[in-house]
Amino acid sequence: MLLVKSLHIVFMVTWFAGLFYLPRLFVYHAMARDEISLERFKLMERKLFWGIATPGGLLTLATGLWLWFAWFPGAGGWLHAKAALVALLVGYHVWCGKLMLDFRRDRNRHGHVWYRWFNEFPVLVLVGAVFLVVYKPF
């Protein structure tokens, strides 16, 4: 089980790396004006979302469910709270995918300041999840 737990942490770091960097790309994309930069950001966003963040997220979920049902079947409320945070993060991931598609179709409706604030959400989820796993309240 320690192997699965280790993989879960590695995949989680990969997922968060994507979710931290993708909205940062959105900030720069929203500020870009020349065609070369706009196309470069579209390519970078697509590769980051589909090549790093999405596989990292799916593997995080898979190993997390494995751990939940194999190692923590009777875990208390802390695990349910963490699962709620993960559900919020999945929603954020999907929202990032929608924003990426909006940029791809040249339909961005937000400014760079909005994306700077949008970029802070996964930080809050990460802090909450780490504290839940380490302290196991409830």
N, C-alpha and C. Protein backbone atom coordinates (compact mmCIF):
# COMPACT_ATOMS: atom_id res chain seq x y z
N MET A 1 0.81 -1.21 0.00
CA MET A 1 0.00 0.00 0.00
C MET A 1 0.85 1.27 0.00
N LEU A 2 2.07 1.18 0.54
CA LEU A 2 2.93 2.36 0.52
C LEU A 2 3.30 2.78 -0.90
N LEU A 3 3.38 1.80 -1.81
CA LEU A 3 3.65 2.13 -3.21
C LEU A 3 2.49 2.94 -3.78
N VAL A 4 1.28 2.52 -3.52
CA VAL A 4 0.10 3.24 -4.02
C VAL A 4 0.02 4.63 -3.40
N LYS A 5 0.32 4.71 -2.11
CA LYS A 5 0.31 6.00 -1.43
C LYS A 5 1.36 6.94 -2.03
N SER A 6 2.54 6.41 -2.30
CA SER A 6 3.61 7.21 -2.91
C SER A 6 3.21 7.68 -4.31
N LEU A 7 2.65 6.78 -5.10
CA LEU A 7 2.19 7.15 -6.43
C LEU A 7 1.09 8.20 -6.37
N HIS A 8 0.21 8.06 -5.40
CA HIS A 8 -0.87 9.04 -5.21
C HIS A 8 -0.28 10.44 -4.98
N ILE A 9 0.74 10.52 -4.17
CA ILE A 9 1.38 11.82 -3.89
C ILE A 9 2.06 12.36 -5.15
N VAL A 10 2.76 11.51 -5.88
CA VAL A 10 3.43 11.94 -7.11
C VAL A 10 2.41 12.44 -8.13
N PHE A 11 1.34 11.70 -8.32
CA PHE A 11 0.31 12.11 -9.28
C PHE A 11 -0.39 13.39 -8.83
N MET A 12 -0.59 13.54 -7.52
CA MET A 12 -1.21 14.75 -6.99
C MET A 12 -0.34 15.96 -7.25
N VAL A 13 0.97 15.81 -7.08
CA VAL A 13 1.90 16.92 -7.35
C VAL A 13 1.84 17.28 -8.83
N THR A 14 1.79 16.28 -9.69
CA THR A 14 1.69 16.52 -11.13
C THR A 14 0.41 17.27 -11.47
N TRP A 15 -0.69 16.83 -10.90
CA TRP A 15 -1.99 17.47 -11.15
C TRP A 15 -1.96 18.93 -10.70
N PHE A 16 -1.47 19.15 -9.49
CA PHE A 16 -1.42 20.52 -8.98
C PHE A 16 -0.46 21.38 -9.78
N ALA A 17 0.63 20.82 -10.26
CA ALA A 17 1.54 21.60 -11.10
C ALA A 17 0.79 22.12 -12.32
N GLY A 18 0.01 21.27 -12.94
CA GLY A 18 -0.80 21.70 -14.08
C GLY A 18 -1.83 22.74 -13.71
N LEU A 19 -2.49 22.54 -12.57
CA LEU A 19 -3.54 23.48 -12.16
C LEU A 19 -2.97 24.80 -11.64
N PHE A 20 -1.73 24.80 -11.23
CA PHE A 20 -1.10 26.07 -10.84
C PHE A 20 -0.63 26.84 -12.08
N TYR A 21 -0.11 26.10 -13.07
CA TYR A 21 0.50 26.77 -14.21
C TYR A 21 -0.51 27.15 -15.29
N LEU A 22 -1.56 26.35 -15.49
CA LEU A 22 -2.52 26.63 -16.56
C LEU A 22 -3.19 28.00 -16.40
N PRO A 23 -3.72 28.33 -15.22
CA PRO A 23 -4.30 29.68 -15.09
C PRO A 23 -3.26 30.79 -15.24
N ARG A 24 -2.00 30.51 -14.91
CA ARG A 24 -0.94 31.49 -15.12
C ARG A 24 -0.75 31.71 -16.61
N LEU A 25 -0.84 30.64 -17.40
CA LEU A 25 -0.80 30.81 -18.85
C LEU A 25 -1.99 31.63 -19.34
N PHE A 26 -3.16 31.43 -18.70
CA PHE A 26 -4.33 32.22 -19.06
C PHE A 26 -4.09 33.71 -18.82
N VAL A 27 -3.38 34.03 -17.73
CA VAL A 27 -3.05 35.43 -17.44
C VAL A 27 -2.27 36.02 -18.61
N TYR A 28 -1.22 35.33 -19.02
CA TYR A 28 -0.38 35.83 -20.11
C TYR A 28 -1.12 35.82 -21.44
N HIS A 29 -1.95 34.82 -21.65
CA HIS A 29 -2.73 34.73 -22.88
C HIS A 29 -3.70 35.91 -22.98
N ALA A 30 -4.34 36.23 -21.86
CA ALA A 30 -5.28 37.35 -21.85
C ALA A 30 -4.58 38.68 -22.12
N MET A 31 -3.30 38.76 -21.83
CA MET A 31 -2.54 40.00 -22.05
C MET A 31 -1.92 40.06 -23.45
N ALA A 32 -1.82 38.92 -24.12
CA ALA A 32 -1.15 38.86 -25.43
C ALA A 32 -2.00 39.53 -26.50
N ARG A 33 -1.32 40.11 -27.48
CA ARG A 33 -2.02 40.79 -28.58
C ARG A 33 -1.57 40.30 -29.96
N ASP A 34 -0.33 39.83 -30.07
CA ASP A 34 0.17 39.43 -31.39
C ASP A 34 -0.21 37.97 -31.68
N GLU A 35 -0.41 37.67 -32.94
CA GLU A 35 -0.89 36.36 -33.37
C GLU A 35 0.06 35.23 -32.98
N ILE A 36 1.35 35.46 -33.07
CA ILE A 36 2.32 34.41 -32.74
C ILE A 36 2.19 34.01 -31.27
N SER A 37 2.08 35.00 -30.38
CA SER A 37 1.93 34.71 -28.95
C SER A 37 0.60 34.02 -28.67
N LEU A 38 -0.47 34.49 -29.29
CA LEU A 38 -1.78 33.88 -29.07
C LEU A 38 -1.77 32.41 -29.47
N GLU A 39 -1.17 32.09 -30.60
CA GLU A 39 -1.11 30.69 -31.03
C GLU A 39 -0.19 29.86 -30.13
N ARG A 40 0.90 30.45 -29.67
CA ARG A 40 1.82 29.75 -28.77
C ARG A 40 1.11 29.40 -27.47
N PHE A 41 0.34 30.35 -26.91
CA PHE A 41 -0.37 30.06 -25.66
C PHE A 41 -1.43 28.98 -25.86
N LYS A 42 -2.11 28.98 -26.96
CA LYS A 42 -3.10 27.93 -27.25
C LYS A 42 -2.44 26.56 -27.23
N LEU A 43 -1.27 26.46 -27.87
CA LEU A 43 -0.54 25.20 -27.91
C LEU A 43 -0.06 24.79 -26.52
N MET A 44 0.52 25.72 -25.79
CA MET A 44 1.01 25.41 -24.44
C MET A 44 -0.13 24.98 -23.52
N GLU A 45 -1.25 25.69 -23.59
CA GLU A 45 -2.40 25.36 -22.73
C GLU A 45 -2.93 23.96 -23.04
N ARG A 46 -3.04 23.65 -24.33
CA ARG A 46 -3.55 22.33 -24.73
C ARG A 46 -2.61 21.22 -24.24
N LYS A 47 -1.33 21.39 -24.44
CA LYS A 47 -0.37 20.36 -24.01
C LYS A 47 -0.35 20.21 -22.49
N LEU A 48 -0.42 21.32 -21.78
CA LEU A 48 -0.42 21.25 -20.32
C LEU A 48 -1.69 20.58 -19.80
N PHE A 49 -2.84 20.97 -20.36
CA PHE A 49 -4.11 20.42 -19.88
C PHE A 49 -4.21 18.92 -20.18
N TRP A 50 -3.97 18.53 -21.45
CA TRP A 50 -4.17 17.14 -21.84
C TRP A 50 -2.97 16.25 -21.56
N GLY A 51 -1.76 16.82 -21.53
CA GLY A 51 -0.57 16.00 -21.37
C GLY A 51 -0.06 15.87 -19.95
N ILE A 52 -0.42 16.82 -19.08
CA ILE A 52 0.09 16.80 -17.71
C ILE A 52 -1.04 16.83 -16.69
N ALA A 53 -1.87 17.88 -16.72
CA ALA A 53 -2.88 18.06 -15.68
C ALA A 53 -3.94 16.95 -15.69
N THR A 54 -4.48 16.63 -16.86
CA THR A 54 -5.55 15.62 -16.91
C THR A 54 -5.05 14.23 -16.55
N PRO A 55 -3.93 13.76 -17.12
CA PRO A 55 -3.44 12.45 -16.66
C PRO A 55 -3.10 12.45 -15.17
N GLY A 56 -2.48 13.53 -14.69
CA GLY A 56 -2.17 13.61 -13.26
C GLY A 56 -3.43 13.55 -12.41
N GLY A 57 -4.47 14.25 -12.84
CA GLY A 57 -5.73 14.23 -12.10
C GLY A 57 -6.39 12.87 -12.11
N LEU A 58 -6.44 12.23 -13.26
CA LEU A 58 -7.06 10.90 -13.35
C LEU A 58 -6.32 9.87 -12.51
N LEU A 59 -4.98 9.91 -12.57
CA LEU A 59 -4.20 8.96 -11.79
C LEU A 59 -4.27 9.27 -10.29
N THR A 60 -4.40 10.55 -9.94
CA THR A 60 -4.61 10.92 -8.54
C THR A 60 -5.93 10.35 -8.03
N LEU A 61 -6.97 10.52 -8.83
CA LEU A 61 -8.28 9.99 -8.44
C LEU A 61 -8.26 8.47 -8.34
N ALA A 62 -7.63 7.81 -9.30
CA ALA A 62 -7.58 6.34 -9.29
C ALA A 62 -6.84 5.81 -8.06
N THR A 63 -5.67 6.36 -7.79
CA THR A 63 -4.92 5.88 -6.62
C THR A 63 -5.59 6.30 -5.32
N GLY A 64 -6.23 7.46 -5.32
CA GLY A 64 -6.95 7.90 -4.13
C GLY A 64 -8.13 6.98 -3.80
N LEU A 65 -8.88 6.59 -4.82
CA LEU A 65 -9.99 5.65 -4.60
C LEU A 65 -9.47 4.29 -4.15
N TRP A 66 -8.38 3.86 -4.72
CA TRP A 66 -7.75 2.60 -4.31
C TRP A 66 -7.40 2.65 -2.83
N LEU A 67 -6.76 3.73 -2.42
CA LEU A 67 -6.40 3.87 -1.01
C LEU A 67 -7.64 3.92 -0.12
N TRP A 68 -8.64 4.66 -0.55
CA TRP A 68 -9.85 4.81 0.26
C TRP A 68 -10.49 3.46 0.53
N PHE A 69 -10.68 2.67 -0.53
CA PHE A 69 -11.41 1.42 -0.36
C PHE A 69 -10.54 0.28 0.15
N ALA A 70 -9.23 0.32 -0.08
CA ALA A 70 -8.36 -0.77 0.36
C ALA A 70 -7.70 -0.50 1.71
N TRP A 71 -7.43 0.78 2.00
CA TRP A 71 -6.67 1.09 3.20
C TRP A 71 -7.46 1.86 4.23
N PHE A 72 -8.36 2.69 3.80
CA PHE A 72 -9.13 3.55 4.72
C PHE A 72 -10.63 3.30 4.62
N PRO A 73 -11.11 2.07 4.54
CA PRO A 73 -12.54 1.88 4.33
C PRO A 73 -13.40 2.44 5.46
N GLY A 74 -12.88 2.49 6.67
CA GLY A 74 -13.66 3.01 7.79
C GLY A 74 -13.20 4.37 8.26
N ALA A 75 -12.51 5.11 7.39
CA ALA A 75 -11.97 6.42 7.78
C ALA A 75 -13.10 7.36 8.19
N GLY A 76 -12.75 8.27 9.05
CA GLY A 76 -13.73 9.19 9.59
C GLY A 76 -14.06 10.34 8.66
N GLY A 77 -14.60 11.38 9.26
CA GLY A 77 -15.07 12.54 8.51
C GLY A 77 -13.97 13.29 7.77
N TRP A 78 -12.72 13.15 8.22
CA TRP A 78 -11.64 13.87 7.54
C TRP A 78 -11.52 13.43 6.09
N LEU A 79 -11.75 12.13 5.82
CA LEU A 79 -11.62 11.63 4.46
C LEU A 79 -12.79 12.11 3.60
N HIS A 80 -13.95 12.20 4.20
CA HIS A 80 -15.10 12.74 3.46
C HIS A 80 -14.90 14.22 3.14
N ALA A 81 -14.32 14.94 4.09
CA ALA A 81 -14.03 16.36 3.84
C ALA A 81 -12.99 16.50 2.73
N LYS A 82 -11.98 15.63 2.75
CA LYS A 82 -10.96 15.67 1.69
C LYS A 82 -11.60 15.32 0.36
N ALA A 83 -12.49 14.35 0.34
CA ALA A 83 -13.17 13.98 -0.91
C ALA A 83 -13.99 15.16 -1.44
N ALA A 84 -14.58 15.93 -0.55
CA ALA A 84 -15.33 17.12 -0.98
C ALA A 84 -14.39 18.14 -1.62
N LEU A 85 -13.21 18.32 -1.03
CA LEU A 85 -12.23 19.23 -1.63
C LEU A 85 -11.76 18.72 -2.99
N VAL A 86 -11.58 17.41 -3.11
CA VAL A 86 -11.18 16.83 -4.39
C VAL A 86 -12.29 17.04 -5.43
N ALA A 87 -13.54 16.91 -5.01
CA ALA A 87 -14.65 17.15 -5.94
C ALA A 87 -14.63 18.61 -6.43
N LEU A 88 -14.35 19.55 -5.52
CA LEU A 88 -14.22 20.95 -5.93
C LEU A 88 -13.07 21.12 -6.91
N LEU A 89 -11.98 20.43 -6.66
CA LEU A 89 -10.82 20.53 -7.54
C LEU A 89 -11.11 19.94 -8.92
N VAL A 90 -11.86 18.87 -8.97
CA VAL A 90 -12.27 18.30 -10.25
C VAL A 90 -13.12 19.32 -11.02
N GLY A 91 -14.04 19.98 -10.31
CA GLY A 91 -14.83 21.03 -10.94
C GLY A 91 -13.97 22.16 -11.47
N TYR A 92 -12.96 22.56 -10.71
CA TYR A 92 -12.02 23.59 -11.13
C TYR A 92 -11.26 23.14 -12.37
N HIS A 93 -10.85 21.89 -12.39
CA HIS A 93 -10.13 21.33 -13.53
C HIS A 93 -11.01 21.40 -14.79
N VAL A 94 -12.25 21.00 -14.66
CA VAL A 94 -13.18 21.04 -15.79
C VAL A 94 -13.37 22.49 -16.26
N TRP A 95 -13.50 23.41 -15.31
CA TRP A 95 -13.65 24.83 -15.63
C TRP A 95 -12.42 25.33 -16.40
N CYS A 96 -11.23 24.91 -15.96
CA CYS A 96 -10.01 25.26 -16.69
C CYS A 96 -10.07 24.75 -18.13
N GLY A 97 -10.58 23.54 -18.30
CA GLY A 97 -10.73 22.99 -19.65
C GLY A 97 -11.67 23.82 -20.50
N LYS A 98 -12.75 24.29 -19.90
CA LYS A 98 -13.69 25.15 -20.63
C LYS A 98 -13.03 26.47 -21.00
N LEU A 99 -12.29 27.05 -20.07
CA LEU A 99 -11.59 28.31 -20.35
C LEU A 99 -10.55 28.12 -21.45
N MET A 100 -9.87 26.98 -21.44
CA MET A 100 -8.90 26.68 -22.47
C MET A 100 -9.58 26.63 -23.84
N LEU A 101 -10.74 25.99 -23.90
CA LEU A 101 -11.48 25.92 -25.16
C LEU A 101 -11.97 27.30 -25.59
N ASP A 102 -12.37 28.13 -24.64
CA ASP A 102 -12.77 29.51 -24.98
C ASP A 102 -11.60 30.25 -25.61
N PHE A 103 -10.42 30.11 -25.04
CA PHE A 103 -9.24 30.76 -25.63
C PHE A 103 -8.96 30.19 -27.03
N ARG A 104 -9.08 28.87 -27.17
CA ARG A 104 -8.81 28.25 -28.47
C ARG A 104 -9.73 28.81 -29.55
N ARG A 105 -10.98 29.10 -29.16
CA ARG A 105 -11.97 29.62 -30.10
C ARG A 105 -11.99 31.15 -30.15
N ASP A 106 -11.00 31.77 -29.49
CA ASP A 106 -10.91 33.24 -29.42
C ASP A 106 -12.16 33.86 -28.81
N ARG A 107 -12.66 33.23 -27.75
CA ARG A 107 -13.86 33.69 -27.05
C ARG A 107 -13.61 34.00 -25.58
N ASN A 108 -12.40 34.37 -25.25
CA ASN A 108 -12.09 34.70 -23.86
C ASN A 108 -12.93 35.90 -23.41
N ARG A 109 -13.53 35.79 -22.22
CA ARG A 109 -14.37 36.87 -21.69
C ARG A 109 -13.83 37.49 -20.41
N HIS A 110 -12.60 37.14 -20.03
CA HIS A 110 -12.04 37.62 -18.78
C HIS A 110 -10.71 38.33 -19.02
N GLY A 111 -10.40 39.24 -18.12
CA GLY A 111 -9.12 39.94 -18.20
C GLY A 111 -8.06 39.23 -17.38
N HIS A 112 -6.84 39.70 -17.52
CA HIS A 112 -5.72 39.04 -16.83
C HIS A 112 -5.85 39.12 -15.32
N VAL A 113 -6.47 40.18 -14.79
CA VAL A 113 -6.64 40.29 -13.34
C VAL A 113 -7.58 39.20 -12.83
N TRP A 114 -8.63 38.91 -13.56
CA TRP A 114 -9.58 37.86 -13.16
C TRP A 114 -8.83 36.52 -13.07
N TYR A 115 -7.99 36.25 -14.07
CA TYR A 115 -7.24 34.99 -14.06
C TYR A 115 -6.23 34.93 -12.92
N ARG A 116 -5.70 36.07 -12.53
CA ARG A 116 -4.78 36.08 -11.38
C ARG A 116 -5.51 35.62 -10.12
N TRP A 117 -6.74 36.07 -9.93
CA TRP A 117 -7.53 35.63 -8.77
C TRP A 117 -7.97 34.18 -8.92
N PHE A 118 -8.37 33.82 -10.12
CA PHE A 118 -8.80 32.46 -10.41
C PHE A 118 -7.68 31.46 -10.09
N ASN A 119 -6.45 31.87 -10.29
CA ASN A 119 -5.28 31.04 -10.07
C ASN A 119 -5.06 30.69 -8.59
N GLU A 120 -5.69 31.39 -7.69
CA GLU A 120 -5.46 31.17 -6.25
C GLU A 120 -6.29 30.02 -5.67
N PHE A 121 -7.35 29.63 -6.34
CA PHE A 121 -8.25 28.61 -5.77
C PHE A 121 -7.55 27.29 -5.45
N PRO A 122 -6.74 26.72 -6.36
CA PRO A 122 -6.12 25.43 -6.01
C PRO A 122 -5.18 25.51 -4.82
N VAL A 123 -4.64 26.69 -4.55
CA VAL A 123 -3.78 26.85 -3.36
C VAL A 123 -4.60 26.59 -2.10
N LEU A 124 -5.80 27.14 -2.06
CA LEU A 124 -6.67 26.94 -0.89
C LEU A 124 -7.05 25.48 -0.73
N VAL A 125 -7.35 24.82 -1.83
CA VAL A 125 -7.70 23.40 -1.77
C VAL A 125 -6.51 22.58 -1.29
N LEU A 126 -5.33 22.88 -1.81
CA LEU A 126 -4.13 22.14 -1.39
C LEU A 126 -3.88 22.30 0.10
N VAL A 127 -3.96 23.50 0.61
CA VAL A 127 -3.74 23.73 2.04
C VAL A 127 -4.77 22.95 2.86
N GLY A 128 -6.03 23.03 2.46
CA GLY A 128 -7.07 22.31 3.19
C GLY A 128 -6.86 20.81 3.16
N ALA A 129 -6.52 20.26 2.00
CA ALA A 129 -6.33 18.82 1.88
C ALA A 129 -5.14 18.34 2.71
N VAL A 130 -4.05 19.07 2.66
CA VAL A 130 -2.86 18.67 3.44
C VAL A 130 -3.17 18.67 4.93
N PHE A 131 -3.84 19.72 5.41
CA PHE A 131 -4.17 19.76 6.84
C PHE A 131 -5.12 18.65 7.22
N LEU A 132 -6.07 18.31 6.36
CA LEU A 132 -6.99 17.21 6.67
C LEU A 132 -6.24 15.88 6.75
N VAL A 133 -5.33 15.64 5.83
CA VAL A 133 -4.61 14.37 5.81
C VAL A 133 -3.64 14.26 6.99
N VAL A 134 -2.98 15.34 7.33
CA VAL A 134 -1.98 15.30 8.41
C VAL A 134 -2.66 15.26 9.78
N TYR A 135 -3.64 16.10 10.03
CA TYR A 135 -4.25 16.19 11.35
C TYR A 135 -5.43 15.25 11.55
N LYS A 136 -6.07 14.85 10.49
CA LYS A 136 -7.22 13.93 10.55
C LYS A 136 -8.23 14.36 11.63
N PRO A 137 -8.75 15.58 11.52
CA PRO A 137 -9.78 16.00 12.49
C PRO A 137 -11.08 15.23 12.25
N PHE A 138 -12.05 15.46 13.05
CA PHE A 138 -13.39 14.82 12.97
C PHE A 138 -13.31 13.42 13.50
